Amino acid sequence: MDVIPQANIQQASEGLRAIAHEVRLSVLCHLMNGPMCVNELIRATGASQSNLSQHLAKMRMMGIIANEKRGQQVYYRIANPEFEELVHVLKHIYCPESCRPDPGEA
């Protein structure tokens, strides 16, 4: 069995902590459908603007999400595709019913 270097374990732990809060995880789940502006994320997550801003800043600093200004609005998207894959895995583990194909799509 291969030994995982301690630095990699620490980096993984930091990345998992970065998404471990339910607001941050909720943001990532919603961004799986594409970029969203702050107002859309507030409605989708139920978080207050100040609370959401703090969480968005943390994820931006970690390189998990990126933002882009479009006119008066700031849109957020998942910047790191590995985190998108991680959310897919979490969805498969914790929301398996949503991963099943729709019977009408066969």
PDB file of N, CA and C in Angstrom:
ATOM      1  N   MET A   1       0.844  -1.180   0.000  1.00  0.00           N
ATOM      2  CA  MET A   1       0.000   0.000   0.000  1.00  0.00           C
ATOM      3  C   MET A   1       0.890   1.245   0.000  1.00  0.00           C
ATOM      4  N   ASP A   2       0.561   2.201  -0.834  1.00  0.00           N
ATOM      5  CA  ASP A   2       1.334   3.434  -0.917  1.00  0.00           C
ATOM      6  C   ASP A   2       1.067   4.323   0.293  1.00  0.00           C
ATOM      7  N   VAL A   3       2.109   4.985   0.745  1.00  0.00           N
ATOM      8  CA  VAL A   3       1.988   5.932   1.840  1.00  0.00           C
ATOM      9  C   VAL A   3       1.714   7.305   1.242  1.00  0.00           C
ATOM     10  N   ILE A   4       0.710   7.978   1.770  1.00  0.00           N
ATOM     11  CA  ILE A   4       0.379   9.323   1.296  1.00  0.00           C
ATOM     12  C   ILE A   4       1.201  10.321   2.096  1.00  0.00           C
ATOM     13  N   PRO A   5       1.929  11.200   1.399  1.00  0.00           N
ATOM     14  CA  PRO A   5       2.748  12.185   2.121  1.00  0.00           C
ATOM     15  C   PRO A   5       1.905  13.070   3.043  1.00  0.00           C
ATOM     16  N   GLN A   6       2.462  13.397   4.196  1.00  0.00           N
ATOM     17  CA  GLN A   6       1.768  14.213   5.192  1.00  0.00           C
ATOM     18  C   GLN A   6       1.306  15.540   4.607  1.00  0.00           C
ATOM     19  N   ALA A   7       2.103  16.151   3.732  1.00  0.00           N
ATOM     20  CA  ALA A   7       1.718  17.434   3.121  1.00  0.00           C
ATOM     21  C   ALA A   7       0.442  17.282   2.297  1.00  0.00           C
ATOM     22  N   ASN A   8       0.287  16.160   1.617  1.00  0.00           N
ATOM     23  CA  ASN A   8      -0.927  15.917   0.830  1.00  0.00           C
ATOM     24  C   ASN A   8      -2.134  15.703   1.740  1.00  0.00           C
ATOM     25  N   ILE A   9      -1.912  15.018   2.836  1.00  0.00           N
ATOM     26  CA  ILE A   9      -3.000  14.804   3.802  1.00  0.00           C
ATOM     27  C   ILE A   9      -3.447  16.143   4.379  1.00  0.00           C
ATOM     28  N   GLN A  10      -2.483  16.983   4.720  1.00  0.00           N
ATOM     29  CA  GLN A  10      -2.817  18.296   5.264  1.00  0.00           C
ATOM     30  C   GLN A  10      -3.572  19.144   4.240  1.00  0.00           C
ATOM     31  N   GLN A  11      -3.129  19.115   2.991  1.00  0.00           N
ATOM     32  CA  GLN A  11      -3.799  19.873   1.931  1.00  0.00           C
ATOM     33  C   GLN A  11      -5.229  19.369   1.732  1.00  0.00           C
ATOM     34  N   ALA A  12      -5.418  18.061   1.735  1.00  0.00           N
ATOM     35  CA  ALA A  12      -6.755  17.488   1.588  1.00  0.00           C
ATOM     36  C   ALA A  12      -7.647  17.896   2.755  1.00  0.00           C
ATOM     37  N   SER A  13      -7.091  17.872   3.959  1.00  0.00           N
ATOM     38  CA  SER A  13      -7.854  18.259   5.139  1.00  0.00           C
ATOM     39  C   SER A  13      -8.304  19.714   5.044  1.00  0.00           C
ATOM     40  N   GLU A  14      -7.414  20.589   4.602  1.00  0.00           N
ATOM     41  CA  GLU A  14      -7.769  22.003   4.445  1.00  0.00           C
ATOM     42  C   GLU A  14      -8.860  22.183   3.388  1.00  0.00           C
ATOM     43  N   GLY A  15      -8.747  21.455   2.286  1.00  0.00           N
ATOM     44  CA  GLY A  15      -9.765  21.542   1.234  1.00  0.00           C
ATOM     45  C   GLY A  15     -11.124  21.054   1.714  1.00  0.00           C
ATOM     46  N   LEU A  16     -11.129  19.968   2.481  1.00  0.00           N
ATOM     47  CA  LEU A  16     -12.386  19.454   3.006  1.00  0.00           C
ATOM     48  C   LEU A  16     -12.994  20.414   4.028  1.00  0.00           C
ATOM     49  N   ARG A  17     -12.143  21.021   4.863  1.00  0.00           N
ATOM     50  CA  ARG A  17     -12.644  22.015   5.822  1.00  0.00           C
ATOM     51  C   ARG A  17     -13.251  23.214   5.086  1.00  0.00           C
ATOM     52  N   ALA A  18     -12.673  23.540   3.941  1.00  0.00           N
ATOM     53  CA  ALA A  18     -13.153  24.702   3.180  1.00  0.00           C
ATOM     54  C   ALA A  18     -14.579  24.517   2.679  1.00  0.00           C
ATOM     55  N   ILE A  19     -15.007  23.281   2.501  1.00  0.00           N
ATOM     56  CA  ILE A  19     -16.378  23.051   2.024  1.00  0.00           C
ATOM     57  C   ILE A  19     -17.260  22.412   3.088  1.00  0.00           C
ATOM     58  N   ALA A  20     -16.730  22.201   4.284  1.00  0.00           N
ATOM     59  CA  ALA A  20     -17.448  21.454   5.317  1.00  0.00           C
ATOM     60  C   ALA A  20     -18.637  22.200   5.906  1.00  0.00           C
ATOM     61  N   HIS A  21     -18.708  23.490   5.765  1.00  0.00           N
ATOM     62  CA  HIS A  21     -19.838  24.246   6.306  1.00  0.00           C
ATOM     63  C   HIS A  21     -21.044  24.091   5.377  1.00  0.00           C
ATOM     64  N   GLU A  22     -22.242  23.986   5.956  1.00  0.00           N
ATOM     65  CA  GLU A  22     -23.411  23.716   5.121  1.00  0.00           C
ATOM     66  C   GLU A  22     -23.710  24.840   4.128  1.00  0.00           C
ATOM     67  N   VAL A  23     -23.410  26.076   4.454  1.00  0.00           N
ATOM     68  CA  VAL A  23     -23.637  27.162   3.491  1.00  0.00           C
ATOM     69  C   VAL A  23     -22.680  27.013   2.308  1.00  0.00           C
ATOM     70  N   ARG A  24     -21.414  26.726   2.584  1.00  0.00           N
ATOM     71  CA  ARG A  24     -20.435  26.579   1.506  1.00  0.00           C
ATOM     72  C   ARG A  24     -20.766  25.366   0.635  1.00  0.00           C
ATOM     73  N   LEU A  25     -21.154  24.272   1.256  1.00  0.00           N
ATOM     74  CA  LEU A  25     -21.518  23.087   0.487  1.00  0.00           C
ATOM     75  C   LEU A  25     -22.777  23.348  -0.333  1.00  0.00           C
ATOM     76  N   SER A  26     -23.717  24.057   0.246  1.00  0.00           N
ATOM     77  CA  SER A  26     -24.930  24.423  -0.482  1.00  0.00           C
ATOM     78  C   SER A  26     -24.601  25.288  -1.701  1.00  0.00           C
ATOM     79  N   VAL A  27     -23.708  26.246  -1.524  1.00  0.00           N
ATOM     80  CA  VAL A  27     -23.284  27.095  -2.642  1.00  0.00           C
ATOM     81  C   VAL A  27     -22.713  26.230  -3.757  1.00  0.00           C
ATOM     82  N   LEU A  28     -21.826  25.312  -3.410  1.00  0.00           N
ATOM     83  CA  LEU A  28     -21.225  24.451  -4.426  1.00  0.00           C
ATOM     84  C   LEU A  28     -22.277  23.602  -5.134  1.00  0.00           C
ATOM     85  N   CYS A  29     -23.215  23.072  -4.388  1.00  0.00           N
ATOM     86  CA  CYS A  29     -24.279  22.275  -5.005  1.00  0.00           C
ATOM     87  C   CYS A  29     -25.061  23.110  -6.019  1.00  0.00           C
ATOM     88  N   HIS A  30     -25.383  24.342  -5.656  1.00  0.00           N
ATOM     89  CA  HIS A  30     -26.133  25.200  -6.564  1.00  0.00           C
ATOM     90  C   HIS A  30     -25.301  25.616  -7.773  1.00  0.00           C
ATOM     91  N   LEU A  31     -24.010  25.835  -7.567  1.00  0.00           N
ATOM     92  CA  LEU A  31     -23.142  26.238  -8.676  1.00  0.00           C
ATOM     93  C   LEU A  31     -22.862  25.097  -9.649  1.00  0.00           C
ATOM     94  N   MET A  32     -23.210  23.879  -9.265  1.00  0.00           N
ATOM     95  CA  MET A  32     -23.060  22.744 -10.184  1.00  0.00           C
ATOM     96  C   MET A  32     -23.921  22.947 -11.429  1.00  0.00           C
ATOM     97  N   ASN A  33     -24.977  23.755 -11.305  1.00  0.00           N
ATOM     98  CA  ASN A  33     -25.873  24.015 -12.432  1.00  0.00           C
ATOM     99  C   ASN A  33     -25.420  25.191 -13.283  1.00  0.00           C
ATOM    100  N   GLY A  34     -24.330  25.835 -12.887  1.00  0.00           N
ATOM    101  CA  GLY A  34     -23.809  26.961 -13.648  1.00  0.00           C
ATOM    102  C   GLY A  34     -23.637  28.184 -12.768  1.00  0.00           C
ATOM    103  N   PRO A  35     -23.035  29.234 -13.327  1.00  0.00           N
ATOM    104  CA  PRO A  35     -22.776  30.452 -12.561  1.00  0.00           C
ATOM    105  C   PRO A  35     -24.058  31.071 -12.001  1.00  0.00           C
ATOM    106  N   MET A  36     -23.918  31.684 -10.827  1.00  0.00           N
ATOM    107  CA  MET A  36     -25.044  32.354 -10.188  1.00  0.00           C
ATOM    108  C   MET A  36     -24.557  33.660  -9.579  1.00  0.00           C
ATOM    109  N   CYS A  37     -25.447  34.661  -9.555  1.00  0.00           N
ATOM    110  CA  CYS A  37     -25.098  35.923  -8.915  1.00  0.00           C
ATOM    111  C   CYS A  37     -25.400  35.824  -7.415  1.00  0.00           C
ATOM    112  N   VAL A  38     -24.924  36.795  -6.674  1.00  0.00           N
ATOM    113  CA  VAL A  38     -25.073  36.797  -5.217  1.00  0.00           C
ATOM    114  C   VAL A  38     -26.547  36.721  -4.818  1.00  0.00           C
ATOM    115  N   ASN A  39     -27.395  37.508  -5.459  1.00  0.00           N
ATOM    116  CA  ASN A  39     -28.824  37.486  -5.101  1.00  0.00           C
ATOM    117  C   ASN A  39     -29.439  36.104  -5.316  1.00  0.00           C
ATOM    118  N   GLU A  40     -29.049  35.424  -6.377  1.00  0.00           N
ATOM    119  CA  GLU A  40     -29.554  34.070  -6.623  1.00  0.00           C
ATOM    120  C   GLU A  40     -29.054  33.107  -5.545  1.00  0.00           C
ATOM    121  N   LEU A  41     -27.802  33.274  -5.159  1.00  0.00           N
ATOM    122  CA  LEU A  41     -27.252  32.404  -4.118  1.00  0.00           C
ATOM    123  C   LEU A  41     -27.891  32.669  -2.763  1.00  0.00           C
ATOM    124  N   ILE A  42     -28.226  33.920  -2.479  1.00  0.00           N
ATOM    125  CA  ILE A  42     -28.917  34.242  -1.223  1.00  0.00           C
ATOM    126  C   ILE A  42     -30.263  33.531  -1.191  1.00  0.00           C
ATOM    127  N   ARG A  43     -31.018  33.627  -2.292  1.00  0.00           N
ATOM    128  CA  ARG A  43     -32.327  32.952  -2.352  1.00  0.00           C
ATOM    129  C   ARG A  43     -32.177  31.435  -2.271  1.00  0.00           C
ATOM    130  N   ALA A  44     -31.181  30.899  -2.959  1.00  0.00           N
ATOM    131  CA  ALA A  44     -31.005  29.445  -3.020  1.00  0.00           C
ATOM    132  C   ALA A  44     -30.545  28.858  -1.686  1.00  0.00           C
ATOM    133  N   THR A  45     -29.670  29.572  -0.978  1.00  0.00           N
ATOM    134  CA  THR A  45     -29.106  29.023   0.265  1.00  0.00           C
ATOM    135  C   THR A  45     -29.856  29.463   1.515  1.00  0.00           C
ATOM    136  N   GLY A  46     -30.556  30.586   1.439  1.00  0.00           N
ATOM    137  CA  GLY A  46     -31.230  31.122   2.612  1.00  0.00           C
ATOM    138  C   GLY A  46     -30.294  31.876   3.541  1.00  0.00           C
ATOM    139  N   ALA A  47     -29.052  32.055   3.129  1.00  0.00           N
ATOM    140  CA  ALA A  47     -28.069  32.766   3.960  1.00  0.00           C
ATOM    141  C   ALA A  47     -28.262  34.273   3.822  1.00  0.00           C
ATOM    142  N   SER A  48     -27.874  35.000   4.846  1.00  0.00           N
ATOM    143  CA  SER A  48     -27.906  36.461   4.746  1.00  0.00           C
ATOM    144  C   SER A  48     -26.771  36.904   3.827  1.00  0.00           C
ATOM    145  N   GLN A  49     -26.875  38.124   3.327  1.00  0.00           N
ATOM    146  CA  GLN A  49     -25.850  38.611   2.411  1.00  0.00           C
ATOM    147  C   GLN A  49     -24.475  38.662   3.077  1.00  0.00           C
ATOM    148  N   SER A  50     -24.415  39.158   4.321  1.00  0.00           N
ATOM    149  CA  SER A  50     -23.110  39.251   4.985  1.00  0.00           C
ATOM    150  C   SER A  50     -22.522  37.869   5.261  1.00  0.00           C
ATOM    151  N   ASN A  51     -23.358  36.936   5.685  1.00  0.00           N
ATOM    152  CA  ASN A  51     -22.891  35.578   5.956  1.00  0.00           C
ATOM    153  C   ASN A  51     -22.416  34.919   4.664  1.00  0.00           C
ATOM    154  N   LEU A  52     -23.210  35.047   3.610  1.00  0.00           N
ATOM    155  CA  LEU A  52     -22.840  34.455   2.323  1.00  0.00           C
ATOM    156  C   LEU A  52     -21.539  35.061   1.811  1.00  0.00           C
ATOM    157  N   SER A  53     -21.379  36.367   1.947  1.00  0.00           N
ATOM    158  CA  SER A  53     -20.163  37.037   1.469  1.00  0.00           C
ATOM    159  C   SER A  53     -18.920  36.477   2.150  1.00  0.00           C
ATOM    160  N   GLN A  54     -19.019  36.203   3.436  1.00  0.00           N
ATOM    161  CA  GLN A  54     -17.881  35.633   4.166  1.00  0.00           C
ATOM    162  C   GLN A  54     -17.526  34.244   3.621  1.00  0.00           C
ATOM    163  N   HIS A  55     -18.547  33.439   3.371  1.00  0.00           N
ATOM    164  CA  HIS A  55     -18.314  32.092   2.857  1.00  0.00           C
ATOM    165  C   HIS A  55     -17.759  32.133   1.428  1.00  0.00           C
ATOM    166  N   LEU A  56     -18.298  33.020   0.606  1.00  0.00           N
ATOM    167  CA  LEU A  56     -17.798  33.149  -0.761  1.00  0.00           C
ATOM    168  C   LEU A  56     -16.338  33.592  -0.762  1.00  0.00           C
ATOM    169  N   ALA A  57     -15.990  34.521   0.113  1.00  0.00           N
ATOM    170  CA  ALA A  57     -14.608  35.005   0.190  1.00  0.00           C
ATOM    171  C   ALA A  57     -13.655  33.872   0.574  1.00  0.00           C
ATOM    172  N   LYS A  58     -14.056  33.054   1.529  1.00  0.00           N
ATOM    173  CA  LYS A  58     -13.213  31.936   1.964  1.00  0.00           C
ATOM    174  C   LYS A  58     -12.990  30.961   0.814  1.00  0.00           C
ATOM    175  N   MET A  59     -14.057  30.621   0.096  1.00  0.00           N
ATOM    176  CA  MET A  59     -13.917  29.679  -1.013  1.00  0.00           C
ATOM    177  C   MET A  59     -13.129  30.287  -2.174  1.00  0.00           C
ATOM    178  N   ARG A  60     -13.259  31.588  -2.366  1.00  0.00           N
ATOM    179  CA  ARG A  60     -12.493  32.273  -3.411  1.00  0.00           C
ATOM    180  C   ARG A  60     -11.003  32.247  -3.071  1.00  0.00           C
ATOM    181  N   MET A  61     -10.668  32.511  -1.816  1.00  0.00           N
ATOM    182  CA  MET A  61      -9.266  32.492  -1.380  1.00  0.00           C
ATOM    183  C   MET A  61      -8.654  31.104  -1.526  1.00  0.00           C
ATOM    184  N   MET A  62      -9.453  30.065  -1.363  1.00  0.00           N
ATOM    185  CA  MET A  62      -8.970  28.692  -1.489  1.00  0.00           C
ATOM    186  C   MET A  62      -8.906  28.237  -2.954  1.00  0.00           C
ATOM    187  N   GLY A  63      -9.400  29.072  -3.877  1.00  0.00           N
ATOM    188  CA  GLY A  63      -9.378  28.714  -5.291  1.00  0.00           C
ATOM    189  C   GLY A  63     -10.462  27.730  -5.688  1.00  0.00           C
ATOM    190  N   ILE A  64     -11.490  27.591  -4.838  1.00  0.00           N
ATOM    191  CA  ILE A  64     -12.579  26.658  -5.120  1.00  0.00           C
ATOM    192  C   ILE A  64     -13.575  27.281  -6.083  1.00  0.00           C
ATOM    193  N   ILE A  65     -13.861  28.557  -5.868  1.00  0.00           N
ATOM    194  CA  ILE A  65     -14.776  29.280  -6.754  1.00  0.00           C
ATOM    195  C   ILE A  65     -14.061  30.505  -7.315  1.00  0.00           C
ATOM    196  N   ALA A  66     -14.632  31.039  -8.379  1.00  0.00           N
ATOM    197  CA  ALA A  66     -14.125  32.274  -8.986  1.00  0.00           C
ATOM    198  C   ALA A  66     -15.318  33.182  -9.220  1.00  0.00           C
ATOM    199  N   ASN A  67     -15.039  34.473  -9.333  1.00  0.00           N
ATOM    200  CA  ASN A  67     -16.130  35.407  -9.596  1.00  0.00           C
ATOM    201  C   ASN A  67     -15.821  36.237 -10.829  1.00  0.00           C
ATOM    202  N   GLU A  68     -16.882  36.754 -11.412  1.00  0.00           N
ATOM    203  CA  GLU A  68     -16.789  37.574 -12.613  1.00  0.00           C
ATOM    204  C   GLU A  68     -17.864  38.647 -12.542  1.00  0.00           C
ATOM    205  N   LYS A  69     -17.461  39.884 -12.760  1.00  0.00           N
ATOM    206  CA  LYS A  69     -18.421  40.979 -12.716  1.00  0.00           C
ATOM    207  C   LYS A  69     -19.067  41.114 -14.088  1.00  0.00           C
ATOM    208  N   ARG A  70     -20.397  41.135 -14.094  1.00  0.00           N
ATOM    209  CA  ARG A  70     -21.179  41.334 -15.321  1.00  0.00           C
ATOM    210  C   ARG A  70     -22.119  42.498 -15.051  1.00  0.00           C
ATOM    211  N   GLY A  71     -21.746  43.671 -15.522  1.00  0.00           N
ATOM    212  CA  GLY A  71     -22.541  44.863 -15.236  1.00  0.00           C
ATOM    213  C   GLY A  71     -22.503  45.150 -13.748  1.00  0.00           C
ATOM    214  N   GLN A  72     -23.681  45.230 -13.142  1.00  0.00           N
ATOM    215  CA  GLN A  72     -23.784  45.506 -11.705  1.00  0.00           C
ATOM    216  C   GLN A  72     -23.683  44.238 -10.849  1.00  0.00           C
ATOM    217  N   GLN A  73     -23.769  43.075 -11.478  1.00  0.00           N
ATOM    218  CA  GLN A  73     -23.815  41.813 -10.735  1.00  0.00           C
ATOM    219  C   GLN A  73     -22.457  41.113 -10.728  1.00  0.00           C
ATOM    220  N   VAL A  74     -22.196  40.380  -9.650  1.00  0.00           N
ATOM    221  CA  VAL A  74     -21.019  39.520  -9.554  1.00  0.00           C
ATOM    222  C   VAL A  74     -21.520  38.084  -9.614  1.00  0.00           C
ATOM    223  N   TYR A  75     -21.008  37.329 -10.573  1.00  0.00           N
ATOM    224  CA  TYR A  75     -21.392  35.933 -10.746  1.00  0.00           C
ATOM    225  C   TYR A  75     -20.276  35.026 -10.246  1.00  0.00           C
ATOM    226  N   TYR A  76     -20.679  33.945  -9.606  1.00  0.00           N
ATOM    227  CA  TYR A  76     -19.737  32.970  -9.071  1.00  0.00           C
ATOM    228  C   TYR A  76     -19.885  31.669  -9.827  1.00  0.00           C
ATOM    229  N   ARG A  77     -18.762  30.967  -9.956  1.00  0.00           N
ATOM    230  CA  ARG A  77     -18.741  29.653 -10.601  1.00  0.00           C
ATOM    231  C   ARG A  77     -17.707  28.795  -9.883  1.00  0.00           C
ATOM    232  N   ILE A  78     -17.807  27.500 -10.070  1.00  0.00           N
ATOM    233  CA  ILE A  78     -16.804  26.599  -9.511  1.00  0.00           C
ATOM    234  C   ILE A  78     -15.551  26.729 -10.370  1.00  0.00           C
ATOM    235  N   ALA A  79     -14.446  27.089  -9.749  1.00  0.00           N
ATOM    236  CA  ALA A  79     -13.203  27.329 -10.475  1.00  0.00           C
ATOM    237  C   ALA A  79     -12.338  26.078 -10.563  1.00  0.00           C
ATOM    238  N   ASN A  80     -12.492  25.204  -9.598  1.00  0.00           N
ATOM    239  CA  ASN A  80     -11.642  24.032  -9.520  1.00  0.00           C
ATOM    240  C   ASN A  80     -12.476  22.789  -9.859  1.00  0.00           C
ATOM    241  N   PRO A  81     -12.242  22.189 -11.030  1.00  0.00           N
ATOM    242  CA  PRO A  81     -13.065  21.041 -11.436  1.00  0.00           C
ATOM    243  C   PRO A  81     -12.983  19.859 -10.485  1.00  0.00           C
ATOM    244  N   GLU A  82     -11.905  19.747  -9.731  1.00  0.00           N
ATOM    245  CA  GLU A  82     -11.808  18.653  -8.769  1.00  0.00           C
ATOM    246  C   GLU A  82     -12.857  18.781  -7.670  1.00  0.00           C
ATOM    247  N   PHE A  83     -13.184  20.014  -7.293  1.00  0.00           N
ATOM    248  CA  PHE A  83     -14.237  20.200  -6.290  1.00  0.00           C
ATOM    249  C   PHE A  83     -15.607  19.864  -6.870  1.00  0.00           C
ATOM    250  N   GLU A  84     -15.777  20.093  -8.162  1.00  0.00           N
ATOM    251  CA  GLU A  84     -17.029  19.691  -8.809  1.00  0.00           C
ATOM    252  C   GLU A  84     -17.159  18.165  -8.754  1.00  0.00           C
ATOM    253  N   GLU A  85     -16.065  17.466  -9.015  1.00  0.00           N
ATOM    254  CA  GLU A  85     -16.073  16.004  -8.918  1.00  0.00           C
ATOM    255  C   GLU A  85     -16.366  15.559  -7.489  1.00  0.00           C
ATOM    256  N   LEU A  86     -15.787  16.255  -6.513  1.00  0.00           N
ATOM    257  CA  LEU A  86     -16.016  15.921  -5.116  1.00  0.00           C
ATOM    258  C   LEU A  86     -17.485  16.092  -4.744  1.00  0.00           C
ATOM    259  N   VAL A  87     -18.109  17.151  -5.213  1.00  0.00           N
ATOM    260  CA  VAL A  87     -19.539  17.368  -4.941  1.00  0.00           C
ATOM    261  C   VAL A  87     -20.365  16.257  -5.583  1.00  0.00           C
ATOM    262  N   HIS A  88     -19.973  15.806  -6.773  1.00  0.00           N
ATOM    263  CA  HIS A  88     -20.666  14.674  -7.408  1.00  0.00           C
ATOM    264  C   HIS A  88     -20.584  13.426  -6.515  1.00  0.00           C
ATOM    265  N   VAL A  89     -19.408  13.165  -5.970  1.00  0.00           N
ATOM    266  CA  VAL A  89     -19.231  11.996  -5.099  1.00  0.00           C
ATOM    267  C   VAL A  89     -20.080  12.142  -3.837  1.00  0.00           C
ATOM    268  N   LEU A  90     -20.055  13.330  -3.223  1.00  0.00           N
ATOM    269  CA  LEU A  90     -20.871  13.563  -2.028  1.00  0.00           C
ATOM    270  C   LEU A  90     -22.356  13.403  -2.336  1.00  0.00           C
ATOM    271  N   LYS A  91     -22.762  13.884  -3.495  1.00  0.00           N
ATOM    272  CA  LYS A  91     -24.161  13.737  -3.904  1.00  0.00           C
ATOM    273  C   LYS A  91     -24.516  12.259  -4.058  1.00  0.00           C
ATOM    274  N   HIS A  92     -23.611  11.496  -4.631  1.00  0.00           N
ATOM    275  CA  HIS A  92     -23.845  10.064  -4.806  1.00  0.00           C
ATOM    276  C   HIS A  92     -23.967   9.352  -3.456  1.00  0.00           C
ATOM    277  N   ILE A  93     -23.159   9.774  -2.484  1.00  0.00           N
ATOM    278  CA  ILE A  93     -23.196   9.152  -1.156  1.00  0.00           C
ATOM    279  C   ILE A  93     -24.428   9.591  -0.364  1.00  0.00           C
ATOM    280  N   TYR A  94     -24.698  10.897  -0.337  1.00  0.00           N
ATOM    281  CA  TYR A  94     -25.731  11.435   0.551  1.00  0.00           C
ATOM    282  C   TYR A  94     -27.080  11.683  -0.114  1.00  0.00           C
ATOM    283  N   CYS A  95     -27.129  11.702  -1.426  1.00  0.00           N
ATOM    284  CA  CYS A  95     -28.390  11.919  -2.157  1.00  0.00           C
ATOM    285  C   CYS A  95     -28.504  10.908  -3.287  1.00  0.00           C
ATOM    286  N   PRO A  96     -28.385   9.620  -2.984  1.00  0.00           N
ATOM    287  CA  PRO A  96     -28.356   8.628  -4.072  1.00  0.00           C
ATOM    288  C   PRO A  96     -29.613   8.631  -4.935  1.00  0.00           C
ATOM    289  N   GLU A  97     -30.745   9.010  -4.346  1.00  0.00           N
ATOM    290  CA  GLU A  97     -31.977   9.019  -5.131  1.00  0.00           C
ATOM    291  C   GLU A  97     -31.923  10.047  -6.257  1.00  0.00           C
ATOM    292  N   SER A  98     -31.182  11.123  -6.081  1.00  0.00           N
ATOM    293  CA  SER A  98     -31.087  12.139  -7.135  1.00  0.00           C
ATOM    294  C   SER A  98     -30.079  11.733  -8.206  1.00  0.00           C
ATOM    295  N   CYS A  99     -29.313  10.675  -7.974  1.00  0.00           N
ATOM    296  CA  CYS A  99     -28.333  10.206  -8.954  1.00  0.00           C
ATOM    297  C   CYS A  99     -28.903   9.123  -9.856  1.00  0.00           C
ATOM    298  N   ARG A 100     -30.072   8.603  -9.480  1.00  0.00           N
ATOM    299  CA  ARG A 100     -30.695   7.581 -10.305  1.00  0.00           C
ATOM    300  C   ARG A 100     -31.293   8.217 -11.548  1.00  0.00           C
ATOM    301  N   PRO A 101     -31.199   7.519 -12.705  1.00  0.00           N
ATOM    302  CA  PRO A 101     -31.818   8.076 -13.907  1.00  0.00           C
ATOM    303  C   PRO A 101     -33.340   8.127 -13.771  1.00  0.00           C
ATOM    304  N   ASP A 102     -33.929   9.138 -14.348  1.00  0.00           N
ATOM    305  CA  ASP A 102     -35.378   9.290 -14.362  1.00  0.00           C
ATOM    306  C   ASP A 102     -35.949   8.179 -15.246  1.00  0.00           C
ATOM    307  N   PRO A 103     -36.956   7.430 -14.761  1.00  0.00           N
ATOM    308  CA  PRO A 103     -37.514   6.323 -15.565  1.00  0.00           C
ATOM    309  C   PRO A 103     -37.987   6.777 -16.950  1.00  0.00           C
ATOM    310  N   GLY A 104     -38.388   8.027 -17.078  1.00  0.00           N
ATOM    311  CA  GLY A 104     -38.841   8.532 -18.364  1.00  0.00           C
ATOM    312  C   GLY A 104     -37.723   8.855 -19.324  1.00  0.00           C
ATOM    313  N   GLU A 105     -36.468   8.809 -18.843  1.00  0.00           N
ATOM    314  CA  GLU A 105     -35.331   9.161 -19.690  1.00  0.00           C
ATOM    315  C   GLU A 105     -34.676   7.943 -20.329  1.00  0.00           C
ATOM    316  N   ALA A 106     -35.180   6.762 -20.061  1.00  0.00           N
ATOM    317  CA  ALA A 106     -34.548   5.527 -20.565  1.00  0.00           C
ATOM    318  C   ALA A 106     -34.636   5.372 -22.047  1.00  0.00           C
TER     319      ALA A 106
END
